[in-house]
Amino acid sequence: MIEAILKSRKWLSPNVQAVTLQPKAEFSFRPGQYIGIQTQGGVTRCYSIANSPAADNHIELHIRRWPGGAFSDFPLRKISVGDKLHI
């Protein structure tokens, strides 16, 4: 697992939020790949990476909120910019 910092959150629509992560270690990926995010409680969900690889090594995810979802409310409502996540 790699530690990442939440850089930003931005609502794209009433149900989709763009979440930008900054890995604390070198992280390379190809377009179309996905990552798993683990909560502090150990729940893991996978999300497709929405951006192309960039020089600043950030990862952008588009996360849809599912009412009553076991995980979707965690990244959308319970974390703040600067928080650490495991990917």
Protein backbone atom coordinates (compact mmCIF):
# COMPACT_ATOMS: atom_id res chain seq x y z
CA MET A 1 0.00 0.00 0.00
CA ILE A 2 1.05 3.56 -0.67
CA GLU A 3 0.09 6.53 1.46
CA ALA A 4 -1.52 9.44 -0.39
CA ILE A 5 -2.69 12.88 0.69
CA LEU A 6 -6.07 14.27 -0.35
CA LYS A 7 -5.18 17.39 -2.37
CA SER A 8 -8.62 18.57 -3.39
CA ARG A 9 -12.30 17.71 -3.72
CA LYS A 10 -14.71 19.30 -6.18
CA TRP A 11 -18.33 18.44 -6.92
CA LEU A 12 -18.81 17.86 -10.66
CA SER A 13 -22.54 17.20 -10.27
CA PRO A 14 -24.92 16.62 -7.34
CA ASN A 15 -23.76 12.97 -7.20
CA VAL A 16 -20.17 12.95 -8.53
CA GLN A 17 -17.11 14.40 -6.90
CA ALA A 18 -13.60 14.77 -8.38
CA VAL A 19 -11.05 13.72 -5.76
CA THR A 20 -7.36 14.52 -6.33
CA LEU A 21 -4.74 12.49 -4.47
CA GLN A 22 -0.99 13.06 -4.17
CA PRO A 23 0.89 9.79 -3.53
CA LYS A 24 3.74 10.16 -1.03
CA ALA A 25 5.88 7.73 -3.07
CA GLU A 26 6.64 7.44 -6.78
CA PHE A 27 3.50 6.14 -8.47
CA SER A 28 3.21 5.46 -12.18
CA PHE A 29 0.11 4.35 -14.05
CA ARG A 30 -1.34 4.05 -17.52
CA PRO A 31 -4.63 5.53 -18.71
CA GLY A 32 -7.51 3.22 -17.84
CA GLN A 33 -5.94 1.70 -14.75
CA TYR A 34 -7.59 1.77 -11.35
CA ILE A 35 -6.58 1.98 -7.70
CA GLY A 36 -8.03 0.67 -4.47
CA ILE A 37 -8.65 3.04 -1.57
CA GLN A 38 -8.75 1.62 1.95
CA THR A 39 -10.63 3.28 4.80
CA GLN A 40 -9.37 3.29 8.37
CA GLY A 41 -11.86 0.49 9.06
CA GLY A 42 -10.24 -1.70 6.40
CA VAL A 43 -12.97 -1.42 3.73
CA THR A 44 -11.46 -1.20 0.22
CA ARG A 45 -13.11 -0.04 -2.99
CA CYS A 46 -11.58 0.34 -6.44
CA TYR A 47 -11.90 3.39 -8.69
CA SER A 48 -10.75 4.08 -12.23
CA ILE A 49 -8.15 6.80 -12.53
CA ALA A 50 -9.73 9.72 -14.41
CA ASN A 51 -6.61 11.65 -15.43
CA SER A 52 -3.63 10.96 -17.66
CA PRO A 53 -0.24 10.47 -16.00
CA ALA A 54 1.12 13.92 -15.11
CA ALA A 55 4.49 15.37 -14.19
CA ASP A 56 3.27 16.23 -10.68
CA ASN A 57 2.35 12.55 -10.03
CA HIS A 58 -1.24 13.26 -8.91
CA ILE A 59 -4.25 10.94 -9.26
CA GLU A 60 -7.76 12.16 -10.01
CA LEU A 61 -10.80 10.01 -9.31
CA HIS A 62 -14.46 10.69 -10.10
CA ILE A 63 -16.49 9.11 -7.31
CA ARG A 64 -20.26 8.74 -7.61
CA ARG A 65 -22.29 8.90 -4.41
CA TRP A 66 -24.62 5.95 -3.95
CA PRO A 67 -27.21 6.57 -1.22
CA GLY A 68 -26.69 3.98 1.49
CA GLY A 69 -23.48 2.76 -0.17
CA ALA A 70 -21.03 1.07 2.18
CA PHE A 71 -18.13 3.17 0.90
CA SER A 72 -19.15 6.08 -1.32
CA ASP A 73 -20.02 8.40 1.58
CA PHE A 74 -16.56 7.90 3.13
CA PRO A 75 -14.47 9.72 0.52
CA LEU A 76 -17.21 12.17 -0.34
CA ARG A 77 -18.15 13.35 3.14
CA LYS A 78 -15.83 12.01 5.84
CA ILE A 79 -12.38 13.03 4.65
CA SER A 80 -10.86 16.47 4.34
CA VAL A 81 -8.13 18.06 2.24
CA GLY A 82 -4.80 17.09 3.81
CA ASP A 83 -6.04 13.75 5.18
CA LYS A 84 -3.99 10.60 4.53
CA LEU A 85 -5.39 7.60 2.66
CA HIS A 86 -3.95 4.21 1.74
CA ILE A 87 -4.07 3.29 -1.95
